[in-house]
PDB file of N, CA and C in Angstrom:
ATOM      1  N   MET A   1       5.438 -26.327 -48.761  1.00  0.00           N
ATOM      2  CA  MET A   1       4.323 -25.711 -48.030  1.00  0.00           C
ATOM      3  C   MET A   1       4.445 -26.120 -46.569  1.00  0.00           C
ATOM      4  N   SER A   2       4.309 -25.189 -45.661  1.00  0.00           N
ATOM      5  CA  SER A   2       4.412 -25.491 -44.234  1.00  0.00           C
ATOM      6  C   SER A   2       3.106 -26.077 -43.689  1.00  0.00           C
ATOM      7  N   ARG A   3       3.252 -26.851 -42.677  1.00  0.00           N
ATOM      8  CA  ARG A   3       2.117 -27.515 -42.058  1.00  0.00           C
ATOM      9  C   ARG A   3       1.321 -26.507 -41.213  1.00  0.00           C
ATOM     10  N   THR A   4       0.008 -26.675 -41.188  1.00  0.00           N
ATOM     11  CA  THR A   4      -0.838 -25.887 -40.295  1.00  0.00           C
ATOM     12  C   THR A   4      -1.113 -26.721 -39.056  1.00  0.00           C
ATOM     13  N   TYR A   5      -0.881 -26.149 -37.903  1.00  0.00           N
ATOM     14  CA  TYR A   5      -1.106 -26.801 -36.627  1.00  0.00           C
ATOM     15  C   TYR A   5      -2.507 -26.452 -36.163  1.00  0.00           C
ATOM     16  N   HIS A   6      -3.158 -27.422 -35.516  1.00  0.00           N
ATOM     17  CA  HIS A   6      -4.544 -27.260 -35.065  1.00  0.00           C
ATOM     18  C   HIS A   6      -4.580 -27.304 -33.563  1.00  0.00           C
ATOM     19  N   VAL A   7      -5.042 -26.208 -32.956  1.00  0.00           N
ATOM     20  CA  VAL A   7      -5.064 -26.096 -31.490  1.00  0.00           C
ATOM     21  C   VAL A   7      -6.453 -25.705 -31.059  1.00  0.00           C
ATOM     22  N   LEU A   8      -6.970 -26.411 -30.037  1.00  0.00           N
ATOM     23  CA  LEU A   8      -8.254 -26.089 -29.443  1.00  0.00           C
ATOM     24  C   LEU A   8      -8.042 -25.390 -28.126  1.00  0.00           C
ATOM     25  N   ILE A   9      -8.713 -24.249 -27.919  1.00  0.00           N
ATOM     26  CA  ILE A   9      -8.615 -23.496 -26.658  1.00  0.00           C
ATOM     27  C   ILE A   9      -9.982 -23.545 -26.009  1.00  0.00           C
ATOM     28  N   VAL A  10     -10.035 -24.005 -24.736  1.00  0.00           N
ATOM     29  CA  VAL A  10     -11.288 -24.129 -24.046  1.00  0.00           C
ATOM     30  C   VAL A  10     -11.244 -23.368 -22.731  1.00  0.00           C
ATOM     31  N   CYS A  11     -12.438 -22.914 -22.313  1.00  0.00           N
ATOM     32  CA  CYS A  11     -12.639 -22.315 -21.009  1.00  0.00           C
ATOM     33  C   CYS A  11     -14.048 -22.692 -20.540  1.00  0.00           C
ATOM     34  N   ALA A  12     -14.464 -22.180 -19.417  1.00  0.00           N
ATOM     35  CA  ALA A  12     -15.746 -22.559 -18.841  1.00  0.00           C
ATOM     36  C   ALA A  12     -16.913 -22.239 -19.760  1.00  0.00           C
ATOM     37  N   ASP A  13     -16.908 -21.034 -20.341  1.00  0.00           N
ATOM     38  CA  ASP A  13     -18.040 -20.635 -21.189  1.00  0.00           C
ATOM     39  C   ASP A  13     -17.719 -20.527 -22.684  1.00  0.00           C
ATOM     40  N   GLY A  14     -16.474 -20.777 -23.039  1.00  0.00           N
ATOM     41  CA  GLY A  14     -16.072 -20.790 -24.456  1.00  0.00           C
ATOM     42  C   GLY A  14     -15.912 -19.399 -25.066  1.00  0.00           C
ATOM     43  N   ALA A  15     -15.801 -18.363 -24.233  1.00  0.00           N
ATOM     44  CA  ALA A  15     -15.711 -17.019 -24.802  1.00  0.00           C
ATOM     45  C   ALA A  15     -14.626 -16.143 -24.168  1.00  0.00           C
ATOM     46  N   ALA A  16     -14.729 -15.886 -22.900  1.00  0.00           N
ATOM     47  CA  ALA A  16     -13.879 -14.861 -22.274  1.00  0.00           C
ATOM     48  C   ALA A  16     -12.413 -15.212 -22.222  1.00  0.00           C
ATOM     49  N   THR A  17     -12.056 -16.122 -21.296  1.00  0.00           N
ATOM     50  CA  THR A  17     -10.619 -16.398 -21.134  1.00  0.00           C
ATOM     51  C   THR A  17     -10.023 -17.177 -22.288  1.00  0.00           C
ATOM     52  N   SER A  18     -10.849 -17.970 -22.978  1.00  0.00           N
ATOM     53  CA  SER A  18     -10.310 -18.674 -24.127  1.00  0.00           C
ATOM     54  C   SER A  18      -9.963 -17.699 -25.246  1.00  0.00           C
ATOM     55  N   THR A  19     -10.694 -16.588 -25.338  1.00  0.00           N
ATOM     56  CA  THR A  19     -10.373 -15.561 -26.343  1.00  0.00           C
ATOM     57  C   THR A  19      -9.028 -14.921 -26.025  1.00  0.00           C
ATOM     58  N   MET A  20      -8.747 -14.657 -24.764  1.00  0.00           N
ATOM     59  CA  MET A  20      -7.477 -14.064 -24.369  1.00  0.00           C
ATOM     60  C   MET A  20      -6.350 -15.013 -24.732  1.00  0.00           C
ATOM     61  N   ALA A  21      -6.499 -16.290 -24.447  1.00  0.00           N
ATOM     62  CA  ALA A  21      -5.471 -17.298 -24.752  1.00  0.00           C
ATOM     63  C   ALA A  21      -5.311 -17.428 -26.269  1.00  0.00           C
ATOM     64  N   LEU A  22      -6.415 -17.412 -27.003  1.00  0.00           N
ATOM     65  CA  LEU A  22      -6.390 -17.528 -28.450  1.00  0.00           C
ATOM     66  C   LEU A  22      -5.586 -16.420 -29.088  1.00  0.00           C
ATOM     67  N   VAL A  23      -5.807 -15.190 -28.653  1.00  0.00           N
ATOM     68  CA  VAL A  23      -5.070 -14.038 -29.201  1.00  0.00           C
ATOM     69  C   VAL A  23      -3.588 -14.206 -28.928  1.00  0.00           C
ATOM     70  N   ALA A  24      -3.220 -14.590 -27.722  1.00  0.00           N
ATOM     71  CA  ALA A  24      -1.802 -14.780 -27.368  1.00  0.00           C
ATOM     72  C   ALA A  24      -1.160 -15.890 -28.192  1.00  0.00           C
ATOM     73  N   LEU A  25      -1.882 -16.988 -28.403  1.00  0.00           N
ATOM     74  CA  LEU A  25      -1.387 -18.097 -29.210  1.00  0.00           C
ATOM     75  C   LEU A  25      -1.193 -17.666 -30.649  1.00  0.00           C
ATOM     76  N   ARG A  26      -2.194 -16.988 -31.219  1.00  0.00           N
ATOM     77  CA  ARG A  26      -2.139 -16.577 -32.609  1.00  0.00           C
ATOM     78  C   ARG A  26      -0.918 -15.679 -32.829  1.00  0.00           C
ATOM     79  N   GLU A  27      -0.714 -14.732 -31.943  1.00  0.00           N
ATOM     80  CA  GLU A  27       0.452 -13.831 -32.044  1.00  0.00           C
ATOM     81  C   GLU A  27       1.744 -14.613 -31.906  1.00  0.00           C
ATOM     82  N   GLY A  28       1.781 -15.555 -30.975  1.00  0.00           N
ATOM     83  CA  GLY A  28       3.011 -16.337 -30.762  1.00  0.00           C
ATOM     84  C   GLY A  28       3.366 -17.205 -31.944  1.00  0.00           C
ATOM     85  N   PHE A  29       2.403 -17.881 -32.520  1.00  0.00           N
ATOM     86  CA  PHE A  29       2.655 -18.718 -33.706  1.00  0.00           C
ATOM     87  C   PHE A  29       3.034 -17.836 -34.897  1.00  0.00           C
ATOM     88  N   GLU A  30       2.357 -16.724 -35.076  1.00  0.00           N
ATOM     89  CA  GLU A  30       2.686 -15.811 -36.187  1.00  0.00           C
ATOM     90  C   GLU A  30       4.103 -15.253 -36.029  1.00  0.00           C
ATOM     91  N   ASP A  31       4.488 -14.909 -34.807  1.00  0.00           N
ATOM     92  CA  ASP A  31       5.839 -14.388 -34.563  1.00  0.00           C
ATOM     93  C   ASP A  31       6.893 -15.398 -34.961  1.00  0.00           C
ATOM     94  N   LYS A  32       6.573 -16.706 -34.829  1.00  0.00           N
ATOM     95  CA  LYS A  32       7.532 -17.758 -35.190  1.00  0.00           C
ATOM     96  C   LYS A  32       7.411 -18.167 -36.652  1.00  0.00           C
ATOM     97  N   GLY A  33       6.469 -17.521 -37.398  1.00  0.00           N
ATOM     98  CA  GLY A  33       6.297 -17.844 -38.803  1.00  0.00           C
ATOM     99  C   GLY A  33       5.563 -19.163 -39.037  1.00  0.00           C
ATOM    100  N   LEU A  34       4.785 -19.578 -38.050  1.00  0.00           N
ATOM    101  CA  LEU A  34       4.077 -20.881 -38.133  1.00  0.00           C
ATOM    102  C   LEU A  34       2.577 -20.639 -38.384  1.00  0.00           C
ATOM    103  N   SER A  35       2.020 -21.537 -39.185  1.00  0.00           N
ATOM    104  CA  SER A  35       0.603 -21.486 -39.510  1.00  0.00           C
ATOM    105  C   SER A  35      -0.170 -22.248 -38.438  1.00  0.00           C
ATOM    106  N   VAL A  36      -1.209 -21.636 -37.909  1.00  0.00           N
ATOM    107  CA  VAL A  36      -2.007 -22.296 -36.884  1.00  0.00           C
ATOM    108  C   VAL A  36      -3.474 -22.036 -37.124  1.00  0.00           C
ATOM    109  N   ASP A  37      -4.300 -23.084 -36.905  1.00  0.00           N
ATOM    110  CA  ASP A  37      -5.751 -22.976 -36.986  1.00  0.00           C
ATOM    111  C   ASP A  37      -6.237 -23.140 -35.554  1.00  0.00           C
ATOM    112  N   LEU A  38      -6.806 -22.029 -34.981  1.00  0.00           N
ATOM    113  CA  LEU A  38      -7.208 -22.033 -33.587  1.00  0.00           C
ATOM    114  C   LEU A  38      -8.731 -22.118 -33.525  1.00  0.00           C
ATOM    115  N   SER A  39      -9.201 -22.995 -32.643  1.00  0.00           N
ATOM    116  CA  SER A  39     -10.638 -23.162 -32.402  1.00  0.00           C
ATOM    117  C   SER A  39     -10.923 -22.912 -30.936  1.00  0.00           C
ATOM    118  N   GLN A  40     -12.122 -22.401 -30.628  1.00  0.00           N
ATOM    119  CA  GLN A  40     -12.533 -22.168 -29.233  1.00  0.00           C
ATOM    120  C   GLN A  40     -13.690 -23.073 -28.895  1.00  0.00           C
ATOM    121  N   GLY A  41     -13.768 -23.396 -27.584  1.00  0.00           N
ATOM    122  CA  GLY A  41     -14.874 -24.189 -27.160  1.00  0.00           C
ATOM    123  C   GLY A  41     -15.047 -24.146 -25.649  1.00  0.00           C
ATOM    124  N   ARG A  42     -16.065 -24.856 -25.181  1.00  0.00           N
ATOM    125  CA  ARG A  42     -16.364 -24.947 -23.758  1.00  0.00           C
ATOM    126  C   ARG A  42     -15.847 -26.267 -23.220  1.00  0.00           C
ATOM    127  N   VAL A  43     -15.376 -26.239 -21.992  1.00  0.00           N
ATOM    128  CA  VAL A  43     -14.895 -27.451 -21.352  1.00  0.00           C
ATOM    129  C   VAL A  43     -15.976 -28.518 -21.333  1.00  0.00           C
ATOM    130  N   ALA A  44     -17.202 -28.121 -21.101  1.00  0.00           N
ATOM    131  CA  ALA A  44     -18.320 -29.060 -21.040  1.00  0.00           C
ATOM    132  C   ALA A  44     -18.521 -29.832 -22.343  1.00  0.00           C
ATOM    133  N   ASP A  45     -18.090 -29.251 -23.459  1.00  0.00           N
ATOM    134  CA  ASP A  45     -18.305 -29.861 -24.766  1.00  0.00           C
ATOM    135  C   ASP A  45     -17.031 -30.509 -25.314  1.00  0.00           C
ATOM    136  N   ILE A  46     -15.984 -30.567 -24.565  1.00  0.00           N
ATOM    137  CA  ILE A  46     -14.677 -30.953 -25.080  1.00  0.00           C
ATOM    138  C   ILE A  46     -14.628 -32.352 -25.698  1.00  0.00           C
ATOM    139  N   ALA A  47     -15.279 -33.328 -25.091  1.00  0.00           N
ATOM    140  CA  ALA A  47     -15.230 -34.688 -25.631  1.00  0.00           C
ATOM    141  C   ALA A  47     -15.805 -34.728 -27.055  1.00  0.00           C
ATOM    142  N   LEU A  48     -16.926 -34.105 -27.225  1.00  0.00           N
ATOM    143  CA  LEU A  48     -17.582 -34.078 -28.558  1.00  0.00           C
ATOM    144  C   LEU A  48     -16.737 -33.252 -29.553  1.00  0.00           C
ATOM    145  N   THR A  49     -16.213 -32.135 -29.090  1.00  0.00           N
ATOM    146  CA  THR A  49     -15.405 -31.307 -29.973  1.00  0.00           C
ATOM    147  C   THR A  49     -14.149 -32.042 -30.450  1.00  0.00           C
ATOM    148  N   VAL A  50     -13.518 -32.722 -29.521  1.00  0.00           N
ATOM    149  CA  VAL A  50     -12.270 -33.487 -29.872  1.00  0.00           C
ATOM    150  C   VAL A  50     -12.620 -34.656 -30.781  1.00  0.00           C
ATOM    151  N   GLU A  51     -13.754 -35.274 -30.534  1.00  0.00           N
ATOM    152  CA  GLU A  51     -14.158 -36.428 -31.349  1.00  0.00           C
ATOM    153  C   GLU A  51     -14.339 -36.033 -32.817  1.00  0.00           C
ATOM    154  N   HIS A  52     -14.768 -34.793 -33.074  1.00  0.00           N
ATOM    155  CA  HIS A  52     -15.058 -34.331 -34.430  1.00  0.00           C
ATOM    156  C   HIS A  52     -13.979 -33.437 -34.986  1.00  0.00           C
ATOM    157  N   GLY A  53     -12.834 -33.344 -34.288  1.00  0.00           N
ATOM    158  CA  GLY A  53     -11.743 -32.519 -34.758  1.00  0.00           C
ATOM    159  C   GLY A  53     -10.441 -33.279 -34.837  1.00  0.00           C
ATOM    160  N   ASN A  54      -9.414 -32.586 -35.331  1.00  0.00           N
ATOM    161  CA  ASN A  54      -8.094 -33.179 -35.451  1.00  0.00           C
ATOM    162  C   ASN A  54      -7.086 -32.206 -34.852  1.00  0.00           C
ATOM    163  N   TYR A  55      -6.957 -32.246 -33.528  1.00  0.00           N
ATOM    164  CA  TYR A  55      -6.188 -31.261 -32.815  1.00  0.00           C
ATOM    165  C   TYR A  55      -4.788 -31.789 -32.422  1.00  0.00           C
ATOM    166  N   ASP A  56      -3.803 -30.895 -32.565  1.00  0.00           N
ATOM    167  CA  ASP A  56      -2.432 -31.220 -32.160  1.00  0.00           C
ATOM    168  C   ASP A  56      -2.223 -30.947 -30.683  1.00  0.00           C
ATOM    169  N   ALA A  57      -3.019 -30.045 -30.110  1.00  0.00           N
ATOM    170  CA  ALA A  57      -2.897 -29.702 -28.708  1.00  0.00           C
ATOM    171  C   ALA A  57      -4.187 -28.998 -28.247  1.00  0.00           C
ATOM    172  N   ILE A  58      -4.369 -29.041 -26.955  1.00  0.00           N
ATOM    173  CA  ILE A  58      -5.498 -28.370 -26.296  1.00  0.00           C
ATOM    174  C   ILE A  58      -4.963 -27.450 -25.215  1.00  0.00           C
ATOM    175  N   ILE A  59      -5.485 -26.230 -25.177  1.00  0.00           N
ATOM    176  CA  ILE A  59      -5.146 -25.263 -24.144  1.00  0.00           C
ATOM    177  C   ILE A  59      -6.428 -25.022 -23.340  1.00  0.00           C
ATOM    178  N   SER A  60      -6.326 -25.211 -22.029  1.00  0.00           N
ATOM    179  CA  SER A  60      -7.532 -25.012 -21.176  1.00  0.00           C
ATOM    180  C   SER A  60      -7.249 -23.989 -20.097  1.00  0.00           C
ATOM    181  N   THR A  61      -8.122 -23.022 -19.999  1.00  0.00           N
ATOM    182  CA  THR A  61      -8.018 -22.051 -18.910  1.00  0.00           C
ATOM    183  C   THR A  61      -8.886 -22.463 -17.725  1.00  0.00           C
ATOM    184  N   ALA A  62      -9.452 -23.663 -17.810  1.00  0.00           N
ATOM    185  CA  ALA A  62     -10.365 -24.187 -16.764  1.00  0.00           C
ATOM    186  C   ALA A  62      -9.874 -25.521 -16.218  1.00  0.00           C
ATOM    187  N   GLY A  63      -8.540 -25.707 -16.142  1.00  0.00           N
ATOM    188  CA  GLY A  63      -7.983 -26.948 -15.606  1.00  0.00           C
ATOM    189  C   GLY A  63      -7.593 -27.902 -16.715  1.00  0.00           C
ATOM    190  N   THR A  64      -6.717 -28.823 -16.365  1.00  0.00           N
ATOM    191  CA  THR A  64      -6.206 -29.760 -17.387  1.00  0.00           C
ATOM    192  C   THR A  64      -6.605 -31.202 -17.136  1.00  0.00           C
ATOM    193  N   ASP A  65      -7.402 -31.461 -16.133  1.00  0.00           N
ATOM    194  CA  ASP A  65      -7.885 -32.802 -15.860  1.00  0.00           C
ATOM    195  C   ASP A  65      -9.166 -33.049 -16.672  1.00  0.00           C
ATOM    196  N   LEU A  66      -8.957 -33.276 -17.956  1.00  0.00           N
ATOM    197  CA  LEU A  66     -10.101 -33.401 -18.888  1.00  0.00           C
ATOM    198  C   LEU A  66     -10.190 -34.835 -19.374  1.00  0.00           C
ATOM    199  N   ASP A  67     -11.431 -35.291 -19.520  1.00  0.00           N
ATOM    200  CA  ASP A  67     -11.698 -36.636 -20.007  1.00  0.00           C
ATOM    201  C   ASP A  67     -11.847 -36.607 -21.509  1.00  0.00           C
ATOM    202  N   LEU A  68     -10.809 -37.053 -22.206  1.00  0.00           N
ATOM    203  CA  LEU A  68     -10.795 -36.968 -23.652  1.00  0.00           C
ATOM    204  C   LEU A  68     -10.875 -38.337 -24.305  1.00  0.00           C
ATOM    205  N   PRO A  69     -11.537 -38.431 -25.454  1.00  0.00           N
ATOM    206  CA  PRO A  69     -11.610 -39.702 -26.176  1.00  0.00           C
ATOM    207  C   PRO A  69     -10.296 -40.083 -26.870  1.00  0.00           C
ATOM    208  N   ARG A  70      -9.354 -39.158 -26.989  1.00  0.00           N
ATOM    209  CA  ARG A  70      -8.069 -39.422 -27.632  1.00  0.00           C
ATOM    210  C   ARG A  70      -6.967 -38.798 -26.782  1.00  0.00           C
ATOM    211  N   ASP A  71      -5.740 -39.290 -27.042  1.00  0.00           N
ATOM    212  CA  ASP A  71      -4.579 -38.804 -26.317  1.00  0.00           C
ATOM    213  C   ASP A  71      -4.024 -37.549 -27.041  1.00  0.00           C
ATOM    214  N   ILE A  72      -4.373 -36.387 -26.534  1.00  0.00           N
ATOM    215  CA  ILE A  72      -3.946 -35.117 -27.103  1.00  0.00           C
ATOM    216  C   ILE A  72      -3.276 -34.312 -25.974  1.00  0.00           C
ATOM    217  N   PRO A  73      -2.111 -33.745 -26.209  1.00  0.00           N
ATOM    218  CA  PRO A  73      -1.443 -32.971 -25.164  1.00  0.00           C
ATOM    219  C   PRO A  73      -2.329 -31.819 -24.684  1.00  0.00           C
ATOM    220  N   ILE A  74      -2.448 -31.655 -23.378  1.00  0.00           N
ATOM    221  CA  ILE A  74      -3.235 -30.595 -22.792  1.00  0.00           C
ATOM    222  C   ILE A  74      -2.338 -29.656 -21.974  1.00  0.00           C
ATOM    223  N   PHE A  75      -2.491 -28.362 -22.160  1.00  0.00           N
ATOM    224  CA  PHE A  75      -1.704 -27.355 -21.442  1.00  0.00           C
ATOM    225  C   PHE A  75      -2.636 -26.402 -20.706  1.00  0.00           C
ATOM    226  N   SER A  76      -2.193 -25.955 -19.558  1.00  0.00           N
ATOM    227  CA  SER A  76      -2.941 -24.894 -18.825  1.00  0.00           C
ATOM    228  C   SER A  76      -2.737 -23.598 -19.557  1.00  0.00           C
ATOM    229  N   GLY A  77      -3.814 -22.886 -19.800  1.00  0.00           N
ATOM    230  CA  GLY A  77      -3.738 -21.607 -20.483  1.00  0.00           C
ATOM    231  C   GLY A  77      -3.569 -20.401 -19.547  1.00  0.00           C
ATOM    232  N   ILE A  78      -3.445 -20.666 -18.264  1.00  0.00           N
ATOM    233  CA  ILE A  78      -3.364 -19.605 -17.248  1.00  0.00           C
ATOM    234  C   ILE A  78      -2.207 -18.634 -17.531  1.00  0.00           C
ATOM    235  N   PRO A  79      -1.027 -19.093 -17.954  1.00  0.00           N
ATOM    236  CA  PRO A  79       0.057 -18.136 -18.263  1.00  0.00           C
ATOM    237  C   PRO A  79      -0.339 -17.120 -19.358  1.00  0.00           C
ATOM    238  N   PHE A  80      -1.250 -17.462 -20.234  1.00  0.00           N
ATOM    239  CA  PHE A  80      -1.711 -16.507 -21.244  1.00  0.00           C
ATOM    240  C   PHE A  80      -2.606 -15.421 -20.636  1.00  0.00           C
ATOM    241  N   LEU A  81      -3.140 -15.719 -19.479  1.00  0.00           N
ATOM    242  CA  LEU A  81      -4.026 -14.741 -18.795  1.00  0.00           C
ATOM    243  C   LEU A  81      -3.209 -13.856 -17.855  1.00  0.00           C
ATOM    244  N   THR A  82      -2.233 -14.458 -17.172  1.00  0.00           N
ATOM    245  CA  THR A  82      -1.453 -13.693 -16.198  1.00  0.00           C
ATOM    246  C   THR A  82      -0.190 -13.065 -16.792  1.00  0.00           C
ATOM    247  N   GLY A  83       0.302 -13.622 -17.885  1.00  0.00           N
ATOM    248  CA  GLY A  83       1.553 -13.168 -18.478  1.00  0.00           C
ATOM    249  C   GLY A  83       2.770 -13.853 -17.858  1.00  0.00           C
ATOM    250  N   ILE A  84       2.582 -14.488 -16.721  1.00  0.00           N
ATOM    251  CA  ILE A  84       3.684 -15.160 -16.031  1.00  0.00           C
ATOM    252  C   ILE A  84       3.936 -16.555 -16.671  1.00  0.00           C
ATOM    253  N   GLY A  85       5.104 -16.701 -17.266  1.00  0.00           N
ATOM    254  CA  GLY A  85       5.445 -17.963 -17.925  1.00  0.00           C
ATOM    255  C   GLY A  85       4.874 -18.101 -19.305  1.00  0.00           C
ATOM    256  N   LYS A  86       4.329 -17.033 -19.851  1.00  0.00           N
ATOM    257  CA  LYS A  86       3.677 -17.060 -21.189  1.00  0.00           C
ATOM    258  C   LYS A  86       4.636 -17.525 -22.286  1.00  0.00           C
ATOM    259  N   GLU A  87       5.824 -16.938 -22.342  1.00  0.00           N
ATOM    260  CA  GLU A  87       6.774 -17.303 -23.408  1.00  0.00           C
ATOM    261  C   GLU A  87       7.252 -18.734 -23.290  1.00  0.00           C
ATOM    262  N   GLN A  88       7.465 -19.175 -22.048  1.00  0.00           N
ATOM    263  CA  GLN A  88       7.881 -20.562 -21.826  1.00  0.00           C
ATOM    264  C   GLN A  88       6.790 -21.546 -22.275  1.00  0.00           C
ATOM    265  N   LEU A  89       5.543 -21.205 -21.946  1.00  0.00           N
ATOM    266  CA  LEU A  89       4.435 -22.071 -22.333  1.00  0.00           C
ATOM    267  C   LEU A  89       4.309 -22.124 -23.843  1.00  0.00           C
ATOM    268  N   LEU A  90       4.411 -20.963 -24.482  1.00  0.00           N
ATOM    269  CA  LEU A  90       4.309 -20.908 -25.934  1.00  0.00           C
ATOM    270  C   LEU A  90       5.373 -21.782 -26.590  1.00  0.00           C
ATOM    271  N   GLU A  91       6.606 -21.690 -26.088  1.00  0.00           N
ATOM    272  CA  GLU A  91       7.693 -22.536 -26.637  1.00  0.00           C
ATOM    273  C   GLU A  91       7.399 -24.030 -26.418  1.00  0.00           C
ATOM    274  N   GLU A  92       6.857 -24.366 -25.281  1.00  0.00           N
ATOM    275  CA  GLU A  92       6.525 -25.775 -24.994  1.00  0.00           C
ATOM    276  C   GLU A  92       5.435 -26.276 -25.915  1.00  0.00           C
ATOM    277  N   ILE A  93       4.411 -25.449 -26.140  1.00  0.00           N
ATOM    278  CA  ILE A  93       3.330 -25.829 -27.063  1.00  0.00           C
ATOM    279  C   ILE A  93       3.849 -26.008 -28.475  1.00  0.00           C
ATOM    280  N   ILE A  94       4.630 -25.079 -28.951  1.00  0.00           N
ATOM    281  CA  ILE A  94       5.195 -25.185 -30.306  1.00  0.00           C
ATOM    282  C   ILE A  94       6.050 -26.404 -30.442  1.00  0.00           C
ATOM    283  N   LYS A  95       6.890 -26.618 -29.493  1.00  0.00           N
ATOM    284  CA  LYS A  95       7.765 -27.824 -29.495  1.00  0.00           C
ATOM    285  C   LYS A  95       6.937 -29.102 -29.522  1.00  0.00           C
ATOM    286  N   THR A  96       5.866 -29.144 -28.765  1.00  0.00           N
ATOM    287  CA  THR A  96       5.010 -30.349 -28.732  1.00  0.00           C
ATOM    288  C   THR A  96       4.288 -30.576 -30.042  1.00  0.00           C
ATOM    289  N   VAL A  97       3.692 -29.545 -30.622  1.00  0.00           N
ATOM    290  CA  VAL A  97       2.918 -29.751 -31.872  1.00  0.00           C
ATOM    291  C   VAL A  97       3.843 -30.067 -33.065  1.00  0.00           C
ATOM    292  N   GLN A  98       5.101 -29.657 -32.993  1.00  0.00           N
ATOM    293  CA  GLN A  98       6.019 -29.912 -34.102  1.00  0.00           C
ATOM    294  C   GLN A  98       6.595 -31.320 -34.065  1.00  0.00           C
ATOM    295  N   LYS A  99       6.343 -32.083 -33.032  1.00  0.00           N
ATOM    296  CA  LYS A  99       6.867 -33.466 -32.954  1.00  0.00           C
ATOM    297  C   LYS A  99       6.195 -34.348 -33.987  1.00  0.00           C
TER     298      LYS A  99
END
């Protein structure tokens, strides 16, 4: 049975840009045949969300200078919004969570 990866996607309000990034991530993981559990949230709530979750990576469309209670890899989600560097970012995220 393959492992399910857990990724948190955050933006300023937890809805608009994080949804765009979530859709791109879901499609990217599915295209690679990987199982992923994606969660959305607000940057303002990230410390509490991370404290109560078990995430392999965090994608933020609102900056990557986040104060987290644990050491979790953080990636800028901007390439998922612009399309520029999207495939490279997806590969980097997958490589990181598979470690």
